[in-house]
Amino acid sequence: MFLFRTSAPSPAAPANPVIDAIRQGADRTGTNFDYLVKTAQRESALDPQAKARTSSATGLFQFIEQTWLSMVRSEGPRHGLDEAANAITQGADGRLTVPDQQMRQQIMDLRRDPAVASTMAGAFTQRNRDQLQASLGREPTGGELYIAHVLGARGANELIGTAQSAPQRSAALDFPEAAAANRGIFFDKAGKARSAAEVYNMLASQHANIASVAGPQTAQATGPERKGLLGLFSTEGGRKPVSDAVAALWSGPRGGRVQLASLEPAQRFFPNGEGMVAQTSVLAASQPLADVPGKPVIAPRPPERPADLALAAAQGQGAQTRRRGKPLDLSAFLRREVLR
């Protein structure tokens, strides 16, 4: 009977209002929950009251004043902050201000509200992701999104470009204000300025290596449909869940040339079947392996279509309906197990 038994339910984890607020922010903005949790851990150790000593950065995600005002002004109306958004004005110098000082303080204090901060962080991440994708011509990694959280999308794009074109250039030369507020990132313990490549690797790797404290649900992807074995192959969170190689094996050629997995078993895709070998070979030769640039993926093809499915496909829908028959009756088997 072990096939039909389930393990005893694990005790429910204690409620964590900060983690719950981050999860709600991720859901509201479509941002990867795991990324937001790691960012909050990296920025504030999940302390909503955290305040930087060297800048105006405050709250779970350490928003500085101008970035926070920009997010509330642009995203506030979508999340019930119309009054706060309308109170923010832009001066001739481009800086955002709030003429009413009492309202200004209320808006700034929202950075310490986990729910509001998480929603703004999710929206900020989506904005950075869109801008980086447009400038890089590819999906940004989680580490690059974190760099954008620290330096803004424009700054992240500049650092990424410099790390590739002039990796030994001092990053502090291009980001003097950020370097002044984050000396531990831009300078080593001896006071030597780190290069663009070193800062890039430091920010990206530190964020990627953070051990999440949110429990098993932390490693979920961005949508409710991304479950199961997907997590085994996840490399970049919900927006890029699998490597190119695994994606190629799962999804097959694009452009609607092949139907992959219909509801009817007889129509399912078996690349080794007749007429499919040539297309599968083209796929293997055209998909580069993510970790080895330029090297083609040579992966074993799935088995040929079983004979019964091939026969059902040839005979049409009627044969499929007859083959399905009635639901499997396990009552006799269960009675035998009880008598043992």
C-alpha atoms as a PDB file:
ATOM      1  CA  MET A   1       0.000   0.000   0.000  1.00  0.00           C
ATOM      2  CA  PHE A   2       3.011   2.302   0.136  1.00  0.00           C
ATOM      3  CA  LEU A   3       2.218   3.539  -3.367  1.00  0.00           C
ATOM      4  CA  PHE A   4      -0.965   5.155  -2.083  1.00  0.00           C
ATOM      5  CA  ARG A   5       0.303   6.511   1.209  1.00  0.00           C
ATOM      6  CA  THR A   6       1.375  10.077   1.744  1.00  0.00           C
ATOM      7  CA  SER A   7       3.866  11.251   4.296  1.00  0.00           C
ATOM      8  CA  ALA A   8       2.629  12.966   7.409  1.00  0.00           C
ATOM      9  CA  PRO A   9       2.144  16.699   6.846  1.00  0.00           C
ATOM     10  CA  SER A  10       5.047  18.765   8.084  1.00  0.00           C
ATOM     11  CA  PRO A  11       4.261  21.277  10.813  1.00  0.00           C
ATOM     12  CA  ALA A  12       3.304  24.666   9.487  1.00  0.00           C
ATOM     13  CA  ALA A  13       6.078  27.225   9.541  1.00  0.00           C
ATOM     14  CA  PRO A  14       5.496  30.131  11.924  1.00  0.00           C
ATOM     15  CA  ALA A  15       3.935  33.150  10.283  1.00  0.00           C
ATOM     16  CA  ASN A  16       6.416  35.800   9.205  1.00  0.00           C
ATOM     17  CA  PRO A  17       4.686  39.081   8.337  1.00  0.00           C
ATOM     18  CA  VAL A  18       7.731  40.413   6.481  1.00  0.00           C
ATOM     19  CA  ILE A  19       8.000  37.325   4.262  1.00  0.00           C
ATOM     20  CA  ASP A  20       4.237  37.408   3.695  1.00  0.00           C
ATOM     21  CA  ALA A  21       4.449  41.063   2.663  1.00  0.00           C
ATOM     22  CA  ILE A  22       7.246  40.288   0.205  1.00  0.00           C
ATOM     23  CA  ARG A  23       5.218  37.426  -1.267  1.00  0.00           C
ATOM     24  CA  GLN A  24       2.240  39.767  -1.737  1.00  0.00           C
ATOM     25  CA  GLY A  25       4.466  42.341  -3.405  1.00  0.00           C
ATOM     26  CA  ALA A  26       5.820  39.689  -5.761  1.00  0.00           C
ATOM     27  CA  ASP A  27       2.303  38.532  -6.639  1.00  0.00           C
ATOM     28  CA  ARG A  28       1.051  42.065  -7.254  1.00  0.00           C
ATOM     29  CA  THR A  29       3.869  42.987  -9.600  1.00  0.00           C
ATOM     30  CA  GLY A  30       4.649  39.634 -11.227  1.00  0.00           C
ATOM     31  CA  THR A  31       8.182  39.688  -9.846  1.00  0.00           C
ATOM     32  CA  ASN A  32      10.082  36.603  -8.748  1.00  0.00           C
ATOM     33  CA  PHE A  33       9.528  36.029  -5.032  1.00  0.00           C
ATOM     34  CA  ASP A  34      12.909  34.395  -4.480  1.00  0.00           C
ATOM     35  CA  TYR A  35      14.683  37.395  -6.019  1.00  0.00           C
ATOM     36  CA  LEU A  36      12.808  39.874  -3.800  1.00  0.00           C
ATOM     37  CA  VAL A  37      13.488  37.883  -0.632  1.00  0.00           C
ATOM     38  CA  LYS A  38      17.194  37.641  -1.415  1.00  0.00           C
ATOM     39  CA  THR A  39      17.347  41.359  -2.205  1.00  0.00           C
ATOM     40  CA  ALA A  40      15.681  42.240   1.095  1.00  0.00           C
ATOM     41  CA  GLN A  41      18.058  39.926   2.947  1.00  0.00           C
ATOM     42  CA  ARG A  42      21.055  41.487   1.226  1.00  0.00           C
ATOM     43  CA  GLU A  43      19.874  45.068   1.748  1.00  0.00           C
ATOM     44  CA  SER A  44      18.408  45.047   5.252  1.00  0.00           C
ATOM     45  CA  ALA A  45      18.589  41.528   6.740  1.00  0.00           C
ATOM     46  CA  LEU A  46      14.763  41.633   6.501  1.00  0.00           C
ATOM     47  CA  ASP A  47      14.543  44.558   8.925  1.00  0.00           C
ATOM     48  CA  PRO A  48      11.827  47.027   7.787  1.00  0.00           C
ATOM     49  CA  GLN A  49      13.327  49.710  10.056  1.00  0.00           C
ATOM     50  CA  ALA A  50      16.859  49.467   8.634  1.00  0.00           C
ATOM     51  CA  LYS A  51      18.559  52.792   7.928  1.00  0.00           C
ATOM     52  CA  ALA A  52      21.889  53.295   6.147  1.00  0.00           C
ATOM     53  CA  ARG A  53      24.526  55.403   7.915  1.00  0.00           C
ATOM     54  CA  THR A  54      26.059  56.771   4.721  1.00  0.00           C
ATOM     55  CA  SER A  55      22.986  57.680   2.655  1.00  0.00           C
ATOM     56  CA  SER A  56      19.220  58.232   2.805  1.00  0.00           C
ATOM     57  CA  ALA A  57      18.573  54.526   2.098  1.00  0.00           C
ATOM     58  CA  THR A  58      15.823  53.190   4.380  1.00  0.00           C
ATOM     59  CA  GLY A  59      13.588  50.154   4.805  1.00  0.00           C
ATOM     60  CA  LEU A  60      13.553  46.548   3.623  1.00  0.00           C
ATOM     61  CA  PHE A  61      14.956  47.378   0.205  1.00  0.00           C
ATOM     62  CA  GLN A  62      17.011  50.437   1.193  1.00  0.00           C
ATOM     63  CA  PHE A  63      15.383  52.886  -1.212  1.00  0.00           C
ATOM     64  CA  ILE A  64      17.074  56.286  -1.327  1.00  0.00           C
ATOM     65  CA  GLU A  65      14.780  59.315  -1.318  1.00  0.00           C
ATOM     66  CA  GLN A  66      14.793  60.209  -5.014  1.00  0.00           C
ATOM     67  CA  THR A  67      14.263  56.629  -6.181  1.00  0.00           C
ATOM     68  CA  TRP A  68      11.435  56.189  -3.690  1.00  0.00           C
ATOM     69  CA  LEU A  69       9.695  59.375  -4.769  1.00  0.00           C
ATOM     70  CA  SER A  70      10.037  58.317  -8.403  1.00  0.00           C
ATOM     71  CA  MET A  71       8.456  54.926  -7.708  1.00  0.00           C
ATOM     72  CA  VAL A  72       5.599  56.313  -5.620  1.00  0.00           C
ATOM     73  CA  ARG A  73       4.883  58.946  -8.245  1.00  0.00           C
ATOM     74  CA  SER A  74       4.796  56.498 -11.168  1.00  0.00           C
ATOM     75  CA  GLU A  75       3.496  53.308  -9.532  1.00  0.00           C
ATOM     76  CA  GLY A  76       1.534  54.641  -6.543  1.00  0.00           C
ATOM     77  CA  PRO A  77      -1.750  55.172  -8.416  1.00  0.00           C
ATOM     78  CA  ARG A  78      -1.811  51.477  -9.378  1.00  0.00           C
ATOM     79  CA  HIS A  79      -1.577  50.416  -5.748  1.00  0.00           C
ATOM     80  CA  GLY A  80      -3.877  52.812  -3.888  1.00  0.00           C
ATOM     81  CA  LEU A  81      -1.357  55.605  -3.288  1.00  0.00           C
ATOM     82  CA  ASP A  82      -3.005  58.245  -5.465  1.00  0.00           C
ATOM     83  CA  GLU A  83      -2.826  60.996  -2.842  1.00  0.00           C
ATOM     84  CA  ALA A  84       0.845  60.404  -2.204  1.00  0.00           C
ATOM     85  CA  ALA A  85       1.648  60.255  -5.925  1.00  0.00           C
ATOM     86  CA  ASN A  86      -0.193  63.495  -6.627  1.00  0.00           C
ATOM     87  CA  ALA A  87       1.699  65.296  -3.855  1.00  0.00           C
ATOM     88  CA  ILE A  88       5.062  64.725  -5.580  1.00  0.00           C
ATOM     89  CA  THR A  89       6.266  67.392  -7.996  1.00  0.00           C
ATOM     90  CA  GLN A  90       9.313  67.723 -10.223  1.00  0.00           C
ATOM     91  CA  GLY A  91      11.474  70.832 -10.165  1.00  0.00           C
ATOM     92  CA  ALA A  92      13.271  72.530 -13.033  1.00  0.00           C
ATOM     93  CA  ASP A  93      16.440  70.631 -12.099  1.00  0.00           C
ATOM     94  CA  GLY A  94      14.636  67.300 -12.466  1.00  0.00           C
ATOM     95  CA  ARG A  95      14.603  66.514  -8.750  1.00  0.00           C
ATOM     96  CA  LEU A  96      11.391  65.300  -7.165  1.00  0.00           C
ATOM     97  CA  THR A  97      10.061  67.119  -4.131  1.00  0.00           C
ATOM     98  CA  VAL A  98       6.992  67.200  -1.870  1.00  0.00           C
ATOM     99  CA  PRO A  99       6.105  70.796  -0.951  1.00  0.00           C
ATOM    100  CA  ASP A 100       3.979  69.745   2.023  1.00  0.00           C
ATOM    101  CA  GLN A 101       6.528  68.665   4.618  1.00  0.00           C
ATOM    102  CA  GLN A 102       4.051  66.608   6.628  1.00  0.00           C
ATOM    103  CA  MET A 103       3.003  64.696   3.512  1.00  0.00           C
ATOM    104  CA  ARG A 104       6.647  64.307   2.548  1.00  0.00           C
ATOM    105  CA  GLN A 105       7.426  62.634   5.855  1.00  0.00           C
ATOM    106  CA  GLN A 106       4.451  60.304   5.486  1.00  0.00           C
ATOM    107  CA  ILE A 107       5.595  59.285   2.004  1.00  0.00           C
ATOM    108  CA  MET A 108       9.154  58.654   3.197  1.00  0.00           C
ATOM    109  CA  ASP A 109       7.903  56.629   6.165  1.00  0.00           C
ATOM    110  CA  LEU A 110       6.166  54.255   3.733  1.00  0.00           C
ATOM    111  CA  ARG A 111       9.606  52.794   3.034  1.00  0.00           C
ATOM    112  CA  ARG A 112       9.344  51.153   6.464  1.00  0.00           C
ATOM    113  CA  ASP A 113       6.011  49.529   5.592  1.00  0.00           C
ATOM    114  CA  PRO A 114       6.886  45.990   4.390  1.00  0.00           C
ATOM    115  CA  ALA A 115       3.839  45.708   2.122  1.00  0.00           C
ATOM    116  CA  VAL A 116       4.346  49.049   0.376  1.00  0.00           C
ATOM    117  CA  ALA A 117       8.117  48.637   0.160  1.00  0.00           C
ATOM    118  CA  SER A 118       7.788  45.148  -1.331  1.00  0.00           C
ATOM    119  CA  THR A 119       5.287  46.302  -3.932  1.00  0.00           C
ATOM    120  CA  MET A 120       7.499  49.237  -4.952  1.00  0.00           C
ATOM    121  CA  ALA A 121      10.545  46.923  -5.044  1.00  0.00           C
ATOM    122  CA  GLY A 122       8.683  44.523  -7.320  1.00  0.00           C
ATOM    123  CA  ALA A 123       7.664  47.337  -9.651  1.00  0.00           C
ATOM    124  CA  PHE A 124      11.210  48.732  -9.573  1.00  0.00           C
ATOM    125  CA  THR A 125      12.591  45.310 -10.501  1.00  0.00           C
ATOM    126  CA  GLN A 126      10.206  45.001 -13.442  1.00  0.00           C
ATOM    127  CA  ARG A 127      11.178  48.432 -14.690  1.00  0.00           C
ATOM    128  CA  ASN A 128      14.876  47.603 -14.424  1.00  0.00           C
ATOM    129  CA  ARG A 129      14.354  44.273 -16.109  1.00  0.00           C
ATOM    130  CA  ASP A 130      12.616  45.849 -19.099  1.00  0.00           C
ATOM    131  CA  GLN A 131      15.303  48.513 -19.513  1.00  0.00           C
ATOM    132  CA  LEU A 132      18.184  46.050 -19.194  1.00  0.00           C
ATOM    133  CA  GLN A 133      16.593  43.615 -21.599  1.00  0.00           C
ATOM    134  CA  ALA A 134      16.222  46.375 -24.181  1.00  0.00           C
ATOM    135  CA  SER A 135      19.820  47.563 -23.810  1.00  0.00           C
ATOM    136  CA  LEU A 136      21.500  44.148 -23.454  1.00  0.00           C
ATOM    137  CA  GLY A 137      19.427  42.358 -26.062  1.00  0.00           C
ATOM    138  CA  ARG A 138      18.867  39.454 -23.677  1.00  0.00           C
ATOM    139  CA  GLU A 139      17.222  38.594 -20.388  1.00  0.00           C
ATOM    140  CA  PRO A 140      19.221  40.012 -17.444  1.00  0.00           C
ATOM    141  CA  THR A 141      20.387  37.604 -14.779  1.00  0.00           C
ATOM    142  CA  GLY A 142      19.266  37.834 -11.172  1.00  0.00           C
ATOM    143  CA  GLY A 143      22.663  39.250 -10.261  1.00  0.00           C
ATOM    144  CA  GLU A 144      22.351  41.934 -12.934  1.00  0.00           C
ATOM    145  CA  LEU A 145      18.897  42.853 -11.653  1.00  0.00           C
ATOM    146  CA  TYR A 146      20.429  43.305  -8.224  1.00  0.00           C
ATOM    147  CA  ILE A 147      23.141  45.537  -9.699  1.00  0.00           C
ATOM    148  CA  ALA A 148      20.309  47.617 -11.175  1.00  0.00           C
ATOM    149  CA  HIS A 149      18.700  47.765  -7.734  1.00  0.00           C
ATOM    150  CA  VAL A 150      21.929  49.283  -6.390  1.00  0.00           C
ATOM    151  CA  LEU A 151      22.948  51.484  -9.342  1.00  0.00           C
ATOM    152  CA  GLY A 152      19.727  51.895 -11.307  1.00  0.00           C
ATOM    153  CA  ALA A 153      19.133  50.388 -14.748  1.00  0.00           C
ATOM    154  CA  ARG A 154      21.343  52.951 -16.488  1.00  0.00           C
ATOM    155  CA  GLY A 155      24.164  52.438 -14.010  1.00  0.00           C
ATOM    156  CA  ALA A 156      23.874  48.654 -14.254  1.00  0.00           C
ATOM    157  CA  ASN A 157      24.024  48.816 -18.034  1.00  0.00           C
ATOM    158  CA  GLU A 158      27.138  51.007 -17.813  1.00  0.00           C
ATOM    159  CA  LEU A 159      28.854  48.690 -15.318  1.00  0.00           C
ATOM    160  CA  ILE A 160      28.049  45.608 -17.407  1.00  0.00           C
ATOM    161  CA  GLY A 161      29.444  47.306 -20.520  1.00  0.00           C
ATOM    162  CA  THR A 162      32.606  48.455 -18.755  1.00  0.00           C
ATOM    163  CA  ALA A 163      33.178  45.039 -17.194  1.00  0.00           C
ATOM    164  CA  GLN A 164      33.207  43.623 -20.724  1.00  0.00           C
ATOM    165  CA  SER A 165      35.086  46.340 -22.614  1.00  0.00           C
ATOM    166  CA  ALA A 166      37.472  47.661 -19.932  1.00  0.00           C
ATOM    167  CA  PRO A 167      37.327  45.169 -17.042  1.00  0.00           C
ATOM    168  CA  GLN A 168      40.331  46.670 -15.192  1.00  0.00           C
ATOM    169  CA  ARG A 169      38.929  50.207 -15.073  1.00  0.00           C
ATOM    170  CA  SER A 170      38.197  51.432 -11.554  1.00  0.00           C
ATOM    171  CA  ALA A 171      34.443  51.280 -10.952  1.00  0.00           C
ATOM    172  CA  ALA A 172      34.648  54.186  -8.487  1.00  0.00           C
ATOM    173  CA  LEU A 173      35.620  56.508 -11.344  1.00  0.00           C
ATOM    174  CA  ASP A 174      32.266  55.945 -13.026  1.00  0.00           C
ATOM    175  CA  PHE A 175      30.166  55.770  -9.845  1.00  0.00           C
ATOM    176  CA  PRO A 176      31.678  58.205  -7.321  1.00  0.00           C
ATOM    177  CA  GLU A 177      28.476  58.723  -5.335  1.00  0.00           C
ATOM    178  CA  ALA A 178      27.700  55.024  -5.092  1.00  0.00           C
ATOM    179  CA  ALA A 179      31.316  54.334  -4.163  1.00  0.00           C
ATOM    180  CA  ALA A 180      31.193  56.920  -1.366  1.00  0.00           C
ATOM    181  CA  ALA A 181      28.056  55.326   0.085  1.00  0.00           C
ATOM    182  CA  ASN A 182      29.220  51.725  -0.424  1.00  0.00           C
ATOM    183  CA  ARG A 183      32.957  51.645   0.178  1.00  0.00           C
ATOM    184  CA  GLY A 184      32.878  47.954   1.026  1.00  0.00           C
ATOM    185  CA  ILE A 185      31.727  47.214  -2.517  1.00  0.00           C
ATOM    186  CA  PHE A 186      33.951  49.582  -4.482  1.00  0.00           C
ATOM    187  CA  PHE A 187      37.115  49.294  -2.342  1.00  0.00           C
ATOM    188  CA  ASP A 188      38.864  46.344  -0.720  1.00  0.00           C
ATOM    189  CA  LYS A 189      39.960  46.241   2.940  1.00  0.00           C
ATOM    190  CA  ALA A 190      43.264  47.881   2.057  1.00  0.00           C
ATOM    191  CA  GLY A 191      41.470  50.807   0.419  1.00  0.00           C
ATOM    192  CA  LYS A 192      42.349  49.781  -3.134  1.00  0.00           C
ATOM    193  CA  ALA A 193      39.644  50.567  -5.687  1.00  0.00           C
ATOM    194  CA  ARG A 194      38.025  47.515  -7.223  1.00  0.00           C
ATOM    195  CA  SER A 195      37.778  47.187 -10.991  1.00  0.00           C
ATOM    196  CA  ALA A 196      34.512  47.181 -12.917  1.00  0.00           C
ATOM    197  CA  ALA A 197      34.789  43.428 -13.410  1.00  0.00           C
ATOM    198  CA  GLU A 198      35.419  42.888  -9.688  1.00  0.00           C
ATOM    199  CA  VAL A 199      32.423  45.001  -8.655  1.00  0.00           C
ATOM    200  CA  TYR A 200      30.221  43.261 -11.197  1.00  0.00           C
ATOM    201  CA  ASN A 201      31.276  39.807  -9.973  1.00  0.00           C
ATOM    202  CA  MET A 202      31.015  40.814  -6.337  1.00  0.00           C
ATOM    203  CA  LEU A 203      27.458  42.148  -6.578  1.00  0.00           C
ATOM    204  CA  ALA A 204      26.186  39.381  -8.852  1.00  0.00           C
ATOM    205  CA  SER A 205      27.758  36.487  -6.949  1.00  0.00           C
ATOM    206  CA  GLN A 206      26.883  37.761  -3.491  1.00  0.00           C
ATOM    207  CA  HIS A 207      23.239  38.089  -4.429  1.00  0.00           C
ATOM    208  CA  ALA A 208      23.156  34.680  -6.104  1.00  0.00           C
ATOM    209  CA  ASN A 209      24.790  32.969  -3.117  1.00  0.00           C
ATOM    210  CA  ILE A 210      22.447  34.309  -0.463  1.00  0.00           C
ATOM    211  CA  ALA A 211      20.757  31.424   1.359  1.00  0.00           C
ATOM    212  CA  SER A 212      17.077  32.250   1.522  1.00  0.00           C
ATOM    213  CA  VAL A 213      15.412  32.174   4.929  1.00  0.00           C
ATOM    214  CA  ALA A 214      11.865  32.018   3.571  1.00  0.00           C
ATOM    215  CA  GLY A 215      11.559  28.219   3.498  1.00  0.00           C
ATOM    216  CA  PRO A 216      10.731  25.796   0.676  1.00  0.00           C
ATOM    217  CA  GLN A 217       8.253  28.125  -1.015  1.00  0.00           C
ATOM    218  CA  THR A 218      10.984  30.691  -1.601  1.00  0.00           C
ATOM    219  CA  ALA A 219      12.374  28.891  -4.634  1.00  0.00           C
ATOM    220  CA  GLN A 220       9.153  29.066  -6.594  1.00  0.00           C
ATOM    221  CA  ALA A 221       9.059  30.647 -10.026  1.00  0.00           C
ATOM    222  CA  THR A 222       7.052  33.675 -11.005  1.00  0.00           C
ATOM    223  CA  GLY A 223       3.827  31.965 -11.979  1.00  0.00           C
ATOM    224  CA  PRO A 224       1.567  29.347 -10.425  1.00  0.00           C
ATOM    225  CA  GLU A 225       2.172  27.148 -13.466  1.00  0.00           C
ATOM    226  CA  ARG A 226       5.921  26.832 -12.796  1.00  0.00           C
ATOM    227  CA  LYS A 227       6.136  23.868 -10.436  1.00  0.00           C
ATOM    228  CA  GLY A 228       7.547  20.383 -10.075  1.00  0.00           C
ATOM    229  CA  LEU A 229      10.758  19.398 -11.812  1.00  0.00           C
ATOM    230  CA  LEU A 230      11.283  22.912 -13.149  1.00  0.00           C
ATOM    231  CA  GLY A 231      13.075  23.827  -9.950  1.00  0.00           C
ATOM    232  CA  LEU A 232      15.796  21.289 -10.657  1.00  0.00           C
ATOM    233  CA  PHE A 233      16.855  23.237 -13.723  1.00  0.00           C
ATOM    234  CA  SER A 234      16.127  26.782 -12.549  1.00  0.00           C
ATOM    235  CA  THR A 235      19.031  29.156 -13.015  1.00  0.00           C
ATOM    236  CA  GLU A 236      17.651  32.676 -13.229  1.00  0.00           C
ATOM    237  CA  GLY A 237      14.399  32.669 -11.267  1.00  0.00           C
ATOM    238  CA  GLY A 238      10.913  32.853 -12.716  1.00  0.00           C
ATOM    239  CA  ARG A 239      11.682  34.950 -15.768  1.00  0.00           C
ATOM    240  CA  LYS A 240      14.258  32.521 -17.166  1.00  0.00           C
ATOM    241  CA  PRO A 241      13.520  29.243 -15.410  1.00  0.00           C
ATOM    242  CA  VAL A 242      15.681  26.807 -17.351  1.00  0.00           C
ATOM    243  CA  SER A 243      18.903  26.801 -19.299  1.00  0.00           C
ATOM    244  CA  ASP A 244      18.734  27.021 -23.083  1.00  0.00           C
ATOM    245  CA  ALA A 245      19.716  23.376 -23.362  1.00  0.00           C
ATOM    246  CA  VAL A 246      16.953  22.129 -21.077  1.00  0.00           C
ATOM    247  CA  ALA A 247      14.435  24.489 -22.674  1.00  0.00           C
ATOM    248  CA  ALA A 248      15.311  23.048 -26.068  1.00  0.00           C
ATOM    249  CA  LEU A 249      14.774  19.494 -24.872  1.00  0.00           C
ATOM    250  CA  TRP A 250      11.439  20.373 -23.302  1.00  0.00           C
ATOM    251  CA  SER A 251       9.926  22.616 -25.904  1.00  0.00           C
ATOM    252  CA  GLY A 252      11.294  21.489 -29.279  1.00  0.00           C
ATOM    253  CA  PRO A 253      11.475  23.670 -32.403  1.00  0.00           C
ATOM    254  CA  ARG A 254       9.587  26.968 -32.418  1.00  0.00           C
ATOM    255  CA  GLY A 255       7.254  28.351 -35.005  1.00  0.00           C
ATOM    256  CA  GLY A 256       4.417  25.861 -34.609  1.00  0.00           C
ATOM    257  CA  ARG A 257       6.071  23.177 -36.717  1.00  0.00           C
ATOM    258  CA  VAL A 258       5.620  20.483 -34.071  1.00  0.00           C
ATOM    259  CA  GLN A 259       2.823  19.815 -31.612  1.00  0.00           C
ATOM    260  CA  LEU A 260       4.451  18.869 -28.339  1.00  0.00           C
ATOM    261  CA  ALA A 261       1.963  17.522 -25.809  1.00  0.00           C
ATOM    262  CA  SER A 262      -1.720  17.530 -26.632  1.00  0.00           C
ATOM    263  CA  LEU A 263      -4.377  16.260 -24.258  1.00  0.00           C
ATOM    264  CA  GLU A 264      -4.745  13.120 -26.320  1.00  0.00           C
ATOM    265  CA  PRO A 265      -1.910  10.600 -25.757  1.00  0.00           C
ATOM    266  CA  ALA A 266      -1.959   9.452 -29.387  1.00  0.00           C
ATOM    267  CA  GLN A 267      -1.002  12.957 -30.511  1.00  0.00           C
ATOM    268  CA  ARG A 268       1.969  13.412 -28.213  1.00  0.00           C
ATOM    269  CA  PHE A 269       5.374  14.228 -29.619  1.00  0.00           C
ATOM    270  CA  PHE A 270       7.972  11.493 -30.089  1.00  0.00           C
ATOM    271  CA  PRO A 271      10.946  13.020 -31.989  1.00  0.00           C
ATOM    272  CA  ASN A 272      12.315   9.641 -33.060  1.00  0.00           C
ATOM    273  CA  GLY A 273       9.144   8.861 -34.955  1.00  0.00           C
ATOM    274  CA  GLU A 274       8.949   8.928 -38.722  1.00  0.00           C
ATOM    275  CA  GLY A 275       9.374  12.413 -40.173  1.00  0.00           C
ATOM    276  CA  MET A 276      10.710  13.925 -36.957  1.00  0.00           C
ATOM    277  CA  VAL A 277      14.368  12.904 -37.023  1.00  0.00           C
ATOM    278  CA  ALA A 278      15.463  15.652 -39.398  1.00  0.00           C
ATOM    279  CA  GLN A 279      13.800  18.383 -37.333  1.00  0.00           C
ATOM    280  CA  THR A 280      15.304  17.066 -34.102  1.00  0.00           C
ATOM    281  CA  SER A 281      18.767  17.040 -35.628  1.00  0.00           C
ATOM    282  CA  VAL A 282      18.356  20.651 -36.727  1.00  0.00           C
ATOM    283  CA  LEU A 283      17.300  21.580 -33.208  1.00  0.00           C
ATOM    284  CA  ALA A 284      20.325  19.906 -31.622  1.00  0.00           C
ATOM    285  CA  ALA A 285      22.684  21.639 -34.012  1.00  0.00           C
ATOM    286  CA  SER A 286      21.130  25.083 -33.573  1.00  0.00           C
ATOM    287  CA  GLN A 287      20.859  25.344 -29.775  1.00  0.00           C
ATOM    288  CA  PRO A 288      24.117  26.508 -28.089  1.00  0.00           C
ATOM    289  CA  LEU A 289      24.896  25.146 -24.671  1.00  0.00           C
ATOM    290  CA  ALA A 290      24.487  27.968 -22.144  1.00  0.00           C
ATOM    291  CA  ASP A 291      27.665  27.209 -20.184  1.00  0.00           C
ATOM    292  CA  VAL A 292      29.892  26.507 -23.200  1.00  0.00           C
ATOM    293  CA  PRO A 293      29.403  29.255 -25.823  1.00  0.00           C
ATOM    294  CA  GLY A 294      29.319  27.991 -29.366  1.00  0.00           C
ATOM    295  CA  LYS A 295      29.161  24.304 -28.417  1.00  0.00           C
ATOM    296  CA  PRO A 296      26.067  22.573 -29.826  1.00  0.00           C
ATOM    297  CA  VAL A 297      23.755  20.560 -27.650  1.00  0.00           C
ATOM    298  CA  ILE A 298      23.971  16.876 -28.507  1.00  0.00           C
ATOM    299  CA  ALA A 299      21.307  15.284 -26.366  1.00  0.00           C
ATOM    300  CA  PRO A 300      19.686  11.849 -26.710  1.00  0.00           C
ATOM    301  CA  ARG A 301      16.281  11.992 -28.340  1.00  0.00           C
ATOM    302  CA  PRO A 302      13.199  10.632 -26.547  1.00  0.00           C
ATOM    303  CA  PRO A 303      12.002   7.131 -27.517  1.00  0.00           C
ATOM    304  CA  GLU A 304       9.975   6.358 -30.600  1.00  0.00           C
ATOM    305  CA  ARG A 305       6.210   6.565 -30.464  1.00  0.00           C
ATOM    306  CA  PRO A 306       4.855   3.329 -28.923  1.00  0.00           C
ATOM    307  CA  ALA A 307       3.044   1.083 -31.370  1.00  0.00           C
ATOM    308  CA  ASP A 308      -0.327   1.381 -29.646  1.00  0.00           C
ATOM    309  CA  LEU A 309      -0.221   5.158 -29.767  1.00  0.00           C
ATOM    310  CA  ALA A 310       0.847   5.176 -33.382  1.00  0.00           C
ATOM    311  CA  LEU A 311      -2.058   2.862 -34.231  1.00  0.00           C
ATOM    312  CA  ALA A 312      -4.491   5.057 -32.301  1.00  0.00           C
ATOM    313  CA  ALA A 313      -3.252   8.154 -34.100  1.00  0.00           C
ATOM    314  CA  ALA A 314      -3.792   6.462 -37.449  1.00  0.00           C
ATOM    315  CA  GLN A 315      -7.283   5.260 -36.597  1.00  0.00           C
ATOM    316  CA  GLY A 316      -8.445   8.657 -35.404  1.00  0.00           C
ATOM    317  CA  GLN A 317     -10.417  10.050 -32.525  1.00  0.00           C
ATOM    318  CA  GLY A 318     -12.757   7.054 -32.257  1.00  0.00           C
ATOM    319  CA  ALA A 319      -9.940   4.680 -31.493  1.00  0.00           C
ATOM    320  CA  GLN A 320      -8.609   7.044 -28.820  1.00  0.00           C
ATOM    321  CA  THR A 321     -12.003   7.216 -27.143  1.00  0.00           C
ATOM    322  CA  ARG A 322     -12.398   3.424 -27.153  1.00  0.00           C
ATOM    323  CA  ARG A 323      -8.902   2.871 -25.790  1.00  0.00           C
ATOM    324  CA  ARG A 324      -9.438   5.123 -22.811  1.00  0.00           C
ATOM    325  CA  GLY A 325     -12.381   3.051 -21.573  1.00  0.00           C
ATOM    326  CA  LYS A 326     -13.612   3.240 -18.001  1.00  0.00           C
ATOM    327  CA  PRO A 327     -11.624   4.551 -15.028  1.00  0.00           C
ATOM    328  CA  LEU A 328      -9.330   2.004 -13.371  1.00  0.00           C
ATOM    329  CA  ASP A 329     -11.079   0.149 -10.520  1.00  0.00           C
ATOM    330  CA  LEU A 330      -8.697  -0.436  -7.617  1.00  0.00           C
ATOM    331  CA  SER A 331     -11.265  -1.764  -5.146  1.00  0.00           C
ATOM    332  CA  ALA A 332     -10.284  -5.437  -5.594  1.00  0.00           C
ATOM    333  CA  PHE A 333      -6.626  -4.586  -5.064  1.00  0.00           C
ATOM    334  CA  LEU A 334      -7.442  -2.599  -1.941  1.00  0.00           C
ATOM    335  CA  ARG A 335      -9.488  -5.465  -0.476  1.00  0.00           C
ATOM    336  CA  ARG A 336      -6.604  -7.902  -1.012  1.00  0.00           C
ATOM    337  CA  GLU A 337      -4.231  -5.540   0.791  1.00  0.00           C
ATOM    338  CA  VAL A 338      -6.587  -5.237   3.745  1.00  0.00           C
ATOM    339  CA  LEU A 339      -6.853  -9.044   4.078  1.00  0.00           C
ATOM    340  CA  ARG A 340      -3.061  -9.525   4.217  1.00  0.00           C
END
